[in-house]
mmCIF file of all heavy atoms, coordinates in Angstrom:
data_MODEL
# 
_entry.id   MODEL 
# 
loop_
_atom_site.group_PDB 
_atom_site.id 
_atom_site.type_symbol 
_atom_site.label_atom_id 
_atom_site.label_alt_id 
_atom_site.label_comp_id 
_atom_site.label_asym_id 
_atom_site.label_entity_id 
_atom_site.label_seq_id 
_atom_site.pdbx_PDB_ins_code 
_atom_site.Cartn_x 
_atom_site.Cartn_y 
_atom_site.Cartn_z 
_atom_site.occupancy 
_atom_site.B_iso_or_equiv 
_atom_site.pdbx_formal_charge 
_atom_site.auth_seq_id 
_atom_site.auth_comp_id 
_atom_site.auth_asym_id 
_atom_site.auth_atom_id 
_atom_site.pdbx_PDB_model_num 
ATOM 1   N N   . SER A 1 1  ? 43.385 -81.072 173.801 1.00 0.00 ? 1  SER A N   1 
ATOM 2   C CA  . SER A 1 1  ? 43.791 -81.801 172.607 1.00 0.00 ? 1  SER A CA  1 
ATOM 3   C C   . SER A 1 1  ? 45.284 -81.585 172.390 1.00 0.00 ? 1  SER A C   1 
ATOM 4   O O   . SER A 1 1  ? 45.886 -80.696 172.979 1.00 0.00 ? 1  SER A O   1 
ATOM 5   C CB  . SER A 1 1  ? 42.991 -81.342 171.385 1.00 0.00 ? 1  SER A CB  1 
ATOM 6   O OG  . SER A 1 1  ? 43.197 -79.960 171.143 1.00 0.00 ? 1  SER A OG  1 
ATOM 7   N N   . GLY A 1 2  ? 45.861 -82.407 171.519 1.00 0.00 ? 2  GLY A N   1 
ATOM 8   C CA  . GLY A 1 2  ? 47.293 -82.297 171.257 1.00 0.00 ? 2  GLY A CA  1 
ATOM 9   C C   . GLY A 1 2  ? 48.068 -83.324 172.063 1.00 0.00 ? 2  GLY A C   1 
ATOM 10  O O   . GLY A 1 2  ? 47.632 -84.459 172.216 1.00 0.00 ? 2  GLY A O   1 
ATOM 11  N N   . SER A 1 3  ? 49.187 -82.920 172.637 1.00 0.00 ? 3  SER A N   1 
ATOM 12  C CA  . SER A 1 3  ? 50.075 -83.821 173.370 1.00 0.00 ? 3  SER A CA  1 
ATOM 13  C C   . SER A 1 3  ? 49.571 -84.039 174.795 1.00 0.00 ? 3  SER A C   1 
ATOM 14  O O   . SER A 1 3  ? 50.244 -83.715 175.786 1.00 0.00 ? 3  SER A O   1 
ATOM 15  C CB  . SER A 1 3  ? 51.494 -83.259 173.384 1.00 0.00 ? 3  SER A CB  1 
ATOM 16  O OG  . SER A 1 3  ? 51.973 -83.071 172.061 1.00 0.00 ? 3  SER A OG  1 
ATOM 17  N N   . ILE A 1 4  ? 48.423 -84.648 174.886 1.00 0.00 ? 4  ILE A N   1 
ATOM 18  C CA  . ILE A 1 4  ? 47.755 -84.796 176.181 1.00 0.00 ? 4  ILE A CA  1 
ATOM 19  C C   . ILE A 1 4  ? 48.540 -85.696 177.122 1.00 0.00 ? 4  ILE A C   1 
ATOM 20  O O   . ILE A 1 4  ? 48.528 -85.509 178.339 1.00 0.00 ? 4  ILE A O   1 
ATOM 21  C CB  . ILE A 1 4  ? 46.341 -85.335 175.972 1.00 0.00 ? 4  ILE A CB  1 
ATOM 22  C CG1 . ILE A 1 4  ? 45.539 -84.373 175.114 1.00 0.00 ? 4  ILE A CG1 1 
ATOM 23  C CG2 . ILE A 1 4  ? 45.634 -85.555 177.300 1.00 0.00 ? 4  ILE A CG2 1 
ATOM 24  C CD1 . ILE A 1 4  ? 44.234 -84.942 174.636 1.00 0.00 ? 4  ILE A CD1 1 
ATOM 25  N N   . SER A 1 5  ? 49.247 -86.654 176.580 1.00 0.00 ? 5  SER A N   1 
ATOM 26  C CA  . SER A 1 5  ? 49.990 -87.583 177.426 1.00 0.00 ? 5  SER A CA  1 
ATOM 27  C C   . SER A 1 5  ? 51.069 -86.884 178.241 1.00 0.00 ? 5  SER A C   1 
ATOM 28  O O   . SER A 1 5  ? 51.549 -87.412 179.242 1.00 0.00 ? 5  SER A O   1 
ATOM 29  C CB  . SER A 1 5  ? 50.617 -88.681 176.569 1.00 0.00 ? 5  SER A CB  1 
ATOM 30  O OG  . SER A 1 5  ? 51.507 -88.124 175.625 1.00 0.00 ? 5  SER A OG  1 
ATOM 31  N N   . SER A 1 6  ? 51.459 -85.689 177.832 1.00 0.00 ? 6  SER A N   1 
ATOM 32  C CA  . SER A 1 6  ? 52.496 -84.954 178.553 1.00 0.00 ? 6  SER A CA  1 
ATOM 33  C C   . SER A 1 6  ? 51.957 -84.224 179.773 1.00 0.00 ? 6  SER A C   1 
ATOM 34  O O   . SER A 1 6  ? 52.712 -83.712 180.589 1.00 0.00 ? 6  SER A O   1 
ATOM 35  C CB  . SER A 1 6  ? 53.167 -83.950 177.620 1.00 0.00 ? 6  SER A CB  1 
ATOM 36  O OG  . SER A 1 6  ? 52.253 -82.931 177.238 1.00 0.00 ? 6  SER A OG  1 
ATOM 37  N N   . ILE A 1 7  ? 50.642 -84.185 179.896 1.00 0.00 ? 7  ILE A N   1 
ATOM 38  C CA  . ILE A 1 7  ? 50.012 -83.412 180.965 1.00 0.00 ? 7  ILE A CA  1 
ATOM 39  C C   . ILE A 1 7  ? 49.811 -84.256 182.208 1.00 0.00 ? 7  ILE A C   1 
ATOM 40  O O   . ILE A 1 7  ? 49.366 -85.397 182.130 1.00 0.00 ? 7  ILE A O   1 
ATOM 41  C CB  . ILE A 1 7  ? 48.661 -82.855 180.498 1.00 0.00 ? 7  ILE A CB  1 
ATOM 42  C CG1 . ILE A 1 7  ? 48.862 -81.875 179.354 1.00 0.00 ? 7  ILE A CG1 1 
ATOM 43  C CG2 . ILE A 1 7  ? 47.914 -82.199 181.651 1.00 0.00 ? 7  ILE A CG2 1 
ATOM 44  C CD1 . ILE A 1 7  ? 49.759 -80.723 179.692 1.00 0.00 ? 7  ILE A CD1 1 
ATOM 45  N N   . ASN A 1 8  ? 50.110 -83.679 183.378 1.00 0.00 ? 8  ASN A N   1 
ATOM 46  C CA  . ASN A 1 8  ? 49.859 -84.362 184.641 1.00 0.00 ? 8  ASN A CA  1 
ATOM 47  C C   . ASN A 1 8  ? 48.756 -83.702 185.456 1.00 0.00 ? 8  ASN A C   1 
ATOM 48  O O   . ASN A 1 8  ? 47.871 -84.366 185.962 1.00 0.00 ? 8  ASN A O   1 
ATOM 49  C CB  . ASN A 1 8  ? 51.132 -84.441 185.474 1.00 0.00 ? 8  ASN A CB  1 
ATOM 50  C CG  . ASN A 1 8  ? 51.970 -85.643 185.117 1.00 0.00 ? 8  ASN A CG  1 
ATOM 51  O OD1 . ASN A 1 8  ? 51.598 -86.773 185.419 1.00 0.00 ? 8  ASN A OD1 1 
ATOM 52  N ND2 . ASN A 1 8  ? 53.072 -85.420 184.439 1.00 0.00 ? 8  ASN A ND2 1 
ATOM 53  N N   . ASP A 1 9  ? 48.815 -82.389 185.610 1.00 0.00 ? 9  ASP A N   1 
ATOM 54  C CA  . ASP A 1 9  ? 47.798 -81.694 186.390 1.00 0.00 ? 9  ASP A CA  1 
ATOM 55  C C   . ASP A 1 9  ? 47.078 -80.658 185.537 1.00 0.00 ? 9  ASP A C   1 
ATOM 56  O O   . ASP A 1 9  ? 47.684 -80.070 184.638 1.00 0.00 ? 9  ASP A O   1 
ATOM 57  C CB  . ASP A 1 9  ? 48.419 -80.988 187.590 1.00 0.00 ? 9  ASP A CB  1 
ATOM 58  C CG  . ASP A 1 9  ? 48.597 -81.915 188.771 1.00 0.00 ? 9  ASP A CG  1 
ATOM 59  O OD1 . ASP A 1 9  ? 49.221 -82.983 188.599 1.00 0.00 ? 9  ASP A OD1 1 
ATOM 60  O OD2 . ASP A 1 9  ? 48.113 -81.585 189.857 1.00 0.00 ? 9  ASP A OD2 1 
ATOM 61  N N   . MET A 1 10 ? 45.826 -80.444 185.860 1.00 0.00 ? 10 MET A N   1 
ATOM 62  C CA  . MET A 1 10 ? 45.057 -79.386 185.206 1.00 0.00 ? 10 MET A CA  1 
ATOM 63  C C   . MET A 1 10 ? 44.418 -78.532 186.283 1.00 0.00 ? 10 MET A C   1 
ATOM 64  O O   . MET A 1 10 ? 44.041 -79.027 187.345 1.00 0.00 ? 10 MET A O   1 
ATOM 65  C CB  . MET A 1 10 ? 44.012 -79.982 184.284 1.00 0.00 ? 10 MET A CB  1 
ATOM 66  C CG  . MET A 1 10 ? 44.648 -80.746 183.129 1.00 0.00 ? 10 MET A CG  1 
ATOM 67  S SD  . MET A 1 10 ? 43.485 -81.238 181.872 1.00 0.00 ? 10 MET A SD  1 
ATOM 68  C CE  . MET A 1 10 ? 43.081 -79.645 181.134 1.00 0.00 ? 10 MET A CE  1 
ATOM 69  N N   . GLY A 1 11 ? 44.314 -77.245 185.986 1.00 0.00 ? 11 GLY A N   1 
ATOM 70  C CA  . GLY A 1 11 ? 43.791 -76.327 186.981 1.00 0.00 ? 11 GLY A CA  1 
ATOM 71  C C   . GLY A 1 11 ? 42.771 -75.378 186.405 1.00 0.00 ? 11 GLY A C   1 
ATOM 72  O O   . GLY A 1 11 ? 42.684 -75.190 185.191 1.00 0.00 ? 11 GLY A O   1 
ATOM 73  N N   . TRP A 1 12 ? 42.001 -74.805 187.311 1.00 0.00 ? 12 TRP A N   1 
ATOM 74  C CA  . TRP A 1 12 ? 41.070 -73.735 186.961 1.00 0.00 ? 12 TRP A CA  1 
ATOM 75  C C   . TRP A 1 12 ? 41.508 -72.463 187.677 1.00 0.00 ? 12 TRP A C   1 
ATOM 76  O O   . TRP A 1 12 ? 41.765 -72.485 188.888 1.00 0.00 ? 12 TRP A O   1 
ATOM 77  C CB  . TRP A 1 12 ? 39.645 -74.092 187.365 1.00 0.00 ? 12 TRP A CB  1 
ATOM 78  C CG  . TRP A 1 12 ? 39.000 -75.117 186.489 1.00 0.00 ? 12 TRP A CG  1 
ATOM 79  C CD1 . TRP A 1 12 ? 38.895 -76.450 186.704 1.00 0.00 ? 12 TRP A CD1 1 
ATOM 80  C CD2 . TRP A 1 12 ? 38.364 -74.868 185.230 1.00 0.00 ? 12 TRP A CD2 1 
ATOM 81  N NE1 . TRP A 1 12 ? 38.240 -77.056 185.667 1.00 0.00 ? 12 TRP A NE1 1 
ATOM 82  C CE2 . TRP A 1 12 ? 37.891 -76.104 184.742 1.00 0.00 ? 12 TRP A CE2 1 
ATOM 83  C CE3 . TRP A 1 12 ? 38.129 -73.727 184.466 1.00 0.00 ? 12 TRP A CE3 1 
ATOM 84  C CZ2 . TRP A 1 12 ? 37.207 -76.239 183.530 1.00 0.00 ? 12 TRP A CZ2 1 
ATOM 85  C CZ3 . TRP A 1 12 ? 37.444 -73.853 183.258 1.00 0.00 ? 12 TRP A CZ3 1 
ATOM 86  C CH2 . TRP A 1 12 ? 36.998 -75.091 182.805 1.00 0.00 ? 12 TRP A CH2 1 
ATOM 87  N N   . PHE A 1 13 ? 41.577 -71.387 186.940 1.00 0.00 ? 13 PHE A N   1 
ATOM 88  C CA  . PHE A 1 13 ? 41.915 -70.075 187.469 1.00 0.00 ? 13 PHE A CA  1 
ATOM 89  C C   . PHE A 1 13 ? 40.783 -69.114 187.135 1.00 0.00 ? 13 PHE A C   1 
ATOM 90  O O   . PHE A 1 13 ? 39.960 -69.389 186.262 1.00 0.00 ? 13 PHE A O   1 
ATOM 91  C CB  . PHE A 1 13 ? 43.221 -69.557 186.851 1.00 0.00 ? 13 PHE A CB  1 
ATOM 92  C CG  . PHE A 1 13 ? 44.445 -70.292 187.324 1.00 0.00 ? 13 PHE A CG  1 
ATOM 93  C CD1 . PHE A 1 13 ? 44.741 -71.548 186.815 1.00 0.00 ? 13 PHE A CD1 1 
ATOM 94  C CD2 . PHE A 1 13 ? 45.298 -69.733 188.254 1.00 0.00 ? 13 PHE A CD2 1 
ATOM 95  C CE1 . PHE A 1 13 ? 45.872 -72.237 187.243 1.00 0.00 ? 13 PHE A CE1 1 
ATOM 96  C CE2 . PHE A 1 13 ? 46.429 -70.410 188.692 1.00 0.00 ? 13 PHE A CE2 1 
ATOM 97  C CZ  . PHE A 1 13 ? 46.708 -71.660 188.181 1.00 0.00 ? 13 PHE A CZ  1 
ATOM 98  N N   . ARG A 1 14 ? 40.776 -67.985 187.805 1.00 0.00 ? 14 ARG A N   1 
ATOM 99  C CA  . ARG A 1 14 ? 39.805 -66.955 187.468 1.00 0.00 ? 14 ARG A CA  1 
ATOM 100 C C   . ARG A 1 14 ? 40.443 -65.584 187.646 1.00 0.00 ? 14 ARG A C   1 
ATOM 101 O O   . ARG A 1 14 ? 41.364 -65.411 188.440 1.00 0.00 ? 14 ARG A O   1 
ATOM 102 C CB  . ARG A 1 14 ? 38.542 -67.068 188.312 1.00 0.00 ? 14 ARG A CB  1 
ATOM 103 C CG  . ARG A 1 14 ? 38.750 -66.852 189.815 1.00 0.00 ? 14 ARG A CG  1 
ATOM 104 C CD  . ARG A 1 14 ? 37.457 -67.161 190.565 1.00 0.00 ? 14 ARG A CD  1 
ATOM 105 N NE  . ARG A 1 14 ? 37.592 -66.963 191.993 1.00 0.00 ? 14 ARG A NE  1 
ATOM 106 C CZ  . ARG A 1 14 ? 36.646 -67.277 192.879 1.00 0.00 ? 14 ARG A CZ  1 
ATOM 107 N NH1 . ARG A 1 14 ? 35.497 -67.813 192.468 1.00 0.00 ? 14 ARG A NH1 1 
ATOM 108 N NH2 . ARG A 1 14 ? 36.848 -67.079 194.168 1.00 0.00 ? 14 ARG A NH2 1 
ATOM 109 N N   . GLN A 1 15 ? 39.933 -64.647 186.871 1.00 0.00 ? 15 GLN A N   1 
ATOM 110 C CA  . GLN A 1 15 ? 40.439 -63.287 186.951 1.00 0.00 ? 15 GLN A CA  1 
ATOM 111 C C   . GLN A 1 15 ? 39.284 -62.318 186.853 1.00 0.00 ? 15 GLN A C   1 
ATOM 112 O O   . GLN A 1 15 ? 38.594 -62.264 185.829 1.00 0.00 ? 15 GLN A O   1 
ATOM 113 C CB  . GLN A 1 15 ? 41.468 -63.017 185.851 1.00 0.00 ? 15 GLN A CB  1 
ATOM 114 C CG  . GLN A 1 15 ? 42.192 -61.699 186.020 1.00 0.00 ? 15 GLN A CG  1 
ATOM 115 C CD  . GLN A 1 15 ? 43.428 -61.605 185.160 1.00 0.00 ? 15 GLN A CD  1 
ATOM 116 O OE1 . GLN A 1 15 ? 43.602 -62.343 184.191 1.00 0.00 ? 15 GLN A OE1 1 
ATOM 117 N NE2 . GLN A 1 15 ? 44.324 -60.694 185.504 1.00 0.00 ? 15 GLN A NE2 1 
ATOM 118 N N   . ALA A 1 16 ? 39.091 -61.571 187.922 1.00 0.00 ? 16 ALA A N   1 
ATOM 119 C CA  . ALA A 1 16 ? 38.063 -60.544 187.957 1.00 0.00 ? 16 ALA A CA  1 
ATOM 120 C C   . ALA A 1 16 ? 38.665 -59.230 187.484 1.00 0.00 ? 16 ALA A C   1 
ATOM 121 O O   . ALA A 1 16 ? 39.887 -59.039 187.559 1.00 0.00 ? 16 ALA A O   1 
ATOM 122 C CB  . ALA A 1 16 ? 37.519 -60.411 189.374 1.00 0.00 ? 16 ALA A CB  1 
ATOM 123 N N   . PRO A 1 17 ? 37.846 -58.295 187.012 1.00 0.00 ? 17 PRO A N   1 
ATOM 124 C CA  . PRO A 1 17 ? 38.358 -57.007 186.526 1.00 0.00 ? 17 PRO A CA  1 
ATOM 125 C C   . PRO A 1 17 ? 39.188 -56.313 187.598 1.00 0.00 ? 17 PRO A C   1 
ATOM 126 O O   . PRO A 1 17 ? 38.764 -56.186 188.753 1.00 0.00 ? 17 PRO A O   1 
ATOM 127 C CB  . PRO A 1 17 ? 37.086 -56.222 186.211 1.00 0.00 ? 17 PRO A CB  1 
ATOM 128 C CG  . PRO A 1 17 ? 36.071 -57.264 185.913 1.00 0.00 ? 17 PRO A CG  1 
ATOM 129 C CD  . PRO A 1 17 ? 36.383 -58.411 186.823 1.00 0.00 ? 17 PRO A CD  1 
ATOM 130 N N   . GLY A 1 18 ? 40.379 -55.885 187.212 1.00 0.00 ? 18 GLY A N   1 
ATOM 131 C CA  . GLY A 1 18 ? 41.238 -55.159 188.128 1.00 0.00 ? 18 GLY A CA  1 
ATOM 132 C C   . GLY A 1 18 ? 41.946 -56.008 189.155 1.00 0.00 ? 18 GLY A C   1 
ATOM 133 O O   . GLY A 1 18 ? 42.641 -55.475 190.026 1.00 0.00 ? 18 GLY A O   1 
ATOM 134 N N   . LYS A 1 19 ? 41.794 -57.316 189.057 1.00 0.00 ? 19 LYS A N   1 
ATOM 135 C CA  . LYS A 1 19 ? 42.431 -58.207 190.028 1.00 0.00 ? 19 LYS A CA  1 
ATOM 136 C C   . LYS A 1 19 ? 43.393 -59.159 189.335 1.00 0.00 ? 19 LYS A C   1 
ATOM 137 O O   . LYS A 1 19 ? 43.320 -59.382 188.132 1.00 0.00 ? 19 LYS A O   1 
ATOM 138 C CB  . LYS A 1 19 ? 41.381 -58.994 190.803 1.00 0.00 ? 19 LYS A CB  1 
ATOM 139 C CG  . LYS A 1 19 ? 40.495 -58.127 191.692 1.00 0.00 ? 19 LYS A CG  1 
ATOM 140 C CD  . LYS A 1 19 ? 39.618 -58.989 192.576 1.00 0.00 ? 19 LYS A CD  1 
ATOM 141 C CE  . LYS A 1 19 ? 38.786 -58.128 193.514 1.00 0.00 ? 19 LYS A CE  1 
ATOM 142 N NZ  . LYS A 1 19 ? 37.930 -58.961 194.418 1.00 0.00 ? 19 LYS A NZ  1 
ATOM 143 N N   . GLU A 1 20 ? 44.283 -59.737 190.135 1.00 0.00 ? 20 GLU A N   1 
ATOM 144 C CA  . GLU A 1 20 ? 45.220 -60.713 189.594 1.00 0.00 ? 20 GLU A CA  1 
ATOM 145 C C   . GLU A 1 20 ? 44.519 -62.045 189.348 1.00 0.00 ? 20 GLU A C   1 
ATOM 146 O O   . GLU A 1 20 ? 43.479 -62.344 189.936 1.00 0.00 ? 20 GLU A O   1 
ATOM 147 C CB  . GLU A 1 20 ? 46.384 -60.911 190.567 1.00 0.00 ? 20 GLU A CB  1 
ATOM 148 C CG  . GLU A 1 20 ? 47.276 -59.691 190.722 1.00 0.00 ? 20 GLU A CG  1 
ATOM 149 C CD  . GLU A 1 20 ? 48.503 -59.977 191.564 1.00 0.00 ? 20 GLU A CD  1 
ATOM 150 O OE1 . GLU A 1 20 ? 48.603 -61.085 192.121 1.00 0.00 ? 20 GLU A OE1 1 
ATOM 151 O OE2 . GLU A 1 20 ? 49.363 -59.086 191.662 1.00 0.00 ? 20 GLU A OE2 1 
ATOM 152 N N   . ARG A 1 21 ? 45.127 -62.836 188.471 1.00 0.00 ? 21 ARG A N   1 
ATOM 153 C CA  . ARG A 1 21 ? 44.594 -64.166 188.210 1.00 0.00 ? 21 ARG A CA  1 
ATOM 154 C C   . ARG A 1 21 ? 44.752 -65.025 189.465 1.00 0.00 ? 21 ARG A C   1 
ATOM 155 O O   . ARG A 1 21 ? 45.814 -65.057 190.077 1.00 0.00 ? 21 ARG A O   1 
ATOM 156 C CB  . ARG A 1 21 ? 45.318 -64.798 187.024 1.00 0.00 ? 21 ARG A CB  1 
ATOM 157 C CG  . ARG A 1 21 ? 44.660 -66.038 186.499 1.00 0.00 ? 21 ARG A CG  1 
ATOM 158 C CD  . ARG A 1 21 ? 45.194 -66.417 185.136 1.00 0.00 ? 21 ARG A CD  1 
ATOM 159 N NE  . ARG A 1 21 ? 44.887 -65.395 184.138 1.00 0.00 ? 21 ARG A NE  1 
ATOM 160 C CZ  . ARG A 1 21 ? 45.044 -65.572 182.834 1.00 0.00 ? 21 ARG A CZ  1 
ATOM 161 N NH1 . ARG A 1 21 ? 45.508 -66.723 182.367 1.00 0.00 ? 21 ARG A NH1 1 
ATOM 162 N NH2 . ARG A 1 21 ? 44.756 -64.602 181.988 1.00 0.00 ? 21 ARG A NH2 1 
ATOM 163 N N   . GLU A 1 22 ? 43.684 -65.728 189.808 1.00 0.00 ? 22 GLU A N   1 
ATOM 164 C CA  . GLU A 1 22 ? 43.617 -66.474 191.069 1.00 0.00 ? 22 GLU A CA  1 
ATOM 165 C C   . GLU A 1 22 ? 43.392 -67.957 190.785 1.00 0.00 ? 22 GLU A C   1 
ATOM 166 O O   . GLU A 1 22 ? 42.468 -68.312 190.040 1.00 0.00 ? 22 GLU A O   1 
ATOM 167 C CB  . GLU A 1 22 ? 42.462 -65.929 191.914 1.00 0.00 ? 22 GLU A CB  1 
ATOM 168 C CG  . GLU A 1 22 ? 42.174 -66.714 193.170 1.00 0.00 ? 22 GLU A CG  1 
ATOM 169 C CD  . GLU A 1 22 ? 40.917 -66.236 193.882 1.00 0.00 ? 22 GLU A CD  1 
ATOM 170 O OE1 . GLU A 1 22 ? 39.888 -65.995 193.196 1.00 0.00 ? 22 GLU A OE1 1 
ATOM 171 O OE2 . GLU A 1 22 ? 40.962 -66.111 195.113 1.00 0.00 ? 22 GLU A OE2 1 
ATOM 172 N N   . GLY A 1 23 ? 44.215 -68.801 191.385 1.00 0.00 ? 23 GLY A N   1 
ATOM 173 C CA  . GLY A 1 23 ? 43.997 -70.231 191.273 1.00 0.00 ? 23 GLY A CA  1 
ATOM 174 C C   . GLY A 1 23 ? 42.793 -70.639 192.088 1.00 0.00 ? 23 GLY A C   1 
ATOM 175 O O   . GLY A 1 23 ? 42.635 -70.197 193.224 1.00 0.00 ? 23 GLY A O   1 
ATOM 176 N N   . VAL A 1 24 ? 41.935 -71.483 191.511 1.00 0.00 ? 24 VAL A N   1 
ATOM 177 C CA  . VAL A 1 24 ? 40.698 -71.899 192.158 1.00 0.00 ? 24 VAL A CA  1 
ATOM 178 C C   . VAL A 1 24 ? 40.749 -73.365 192.573 1.00 0.00 ? 24 VAL A C   1 
ATOM 179 O O   . VAL A 1 24 ? 40.421 -73.718 193.697 1.00 0.00 ? 24 VAL A O   1 
ATOM 180 C CB  . VAL A 1 24 ? 39.502 -71.666 191.214 1.00 0.00 ? 24 VAL A CB  1 
ATOM 181 C CG1 . VAL A 1 24 ? 38.225 -72.230 191.806 1.00 0.00 ? 24 VAL A CG1 1 
ATOM 182 C CG2 . VAL A 1 24 ? 39.358 -70.192 190.887 1.00 0.00 ? 24 VAL A CG2 1 
ATOM 183 N N   . SER A 1 25 ? 41.191 -74.208 191.631 1.00 0.00 ? 25 SER A N   1 
ATOM 184 C CA  . SER A 1 25 ? 41.158 -75.641 191.887 1.00 0.00 ? 25 SER A CA  1 
ATOM 185 C C   . SER A 1 25 ? 42.083 -76.339 190.905 1.00 0.00 ? 25 SER A C   1 
ATOM 186 O O   . SER A 1 25 ? 42.400 -75.793 189.845 1.00 0.00 ? 25 SER A O   1 
ATOM 187 C CB  . SER A 1 25 ? 39.732 -76.172 191.707 1.00 0.00 ? 25 SER A CB  1 
ATOM 188 O OG  . SER A 1 25 ? 39.682 -77.571 191.903 1.00 0.00 ? 25 SER A OG  1 
ATOM 189 N N   . CYS A 1 26 ? 42.519 -77.549 191.281 1.00 0.00 ? 26 CYS A N   1 
ATOM 190 C CA  . CYS A 1 26 ? 43.294 -78.331 190.324 1.00 0.00 ? 26 CYS A CA  1 
ATOM 191 C C   . CYS A 1 26 ? 43.047 -79.815 190.564 1.00 0.00 ? 26 CYS A C   1 
ATOM 192 O O   . CYS A 1 26 ? 42.562 -80.212 191.621 1.00 0.00 ? 26 CYS A O   1 
ATOM 193 C CB  . CYS A 1 26 ? 44.777 -78.007 190.395 1.00 0.00 ? 26 CYS A CB  1 
ATOM 194 S SG  . CYS A 1 26 ? 45.543 -78.392 191.956 1.00 0.00 ? 26 CYS A SG  1 
# 
């Protein structure tokens, strides 16, 4: 929601305990 028109790509990330945030898909 909000200024959606400004957005081009969206992604999914995940972060497991003790690990860095990892890109999954976009």
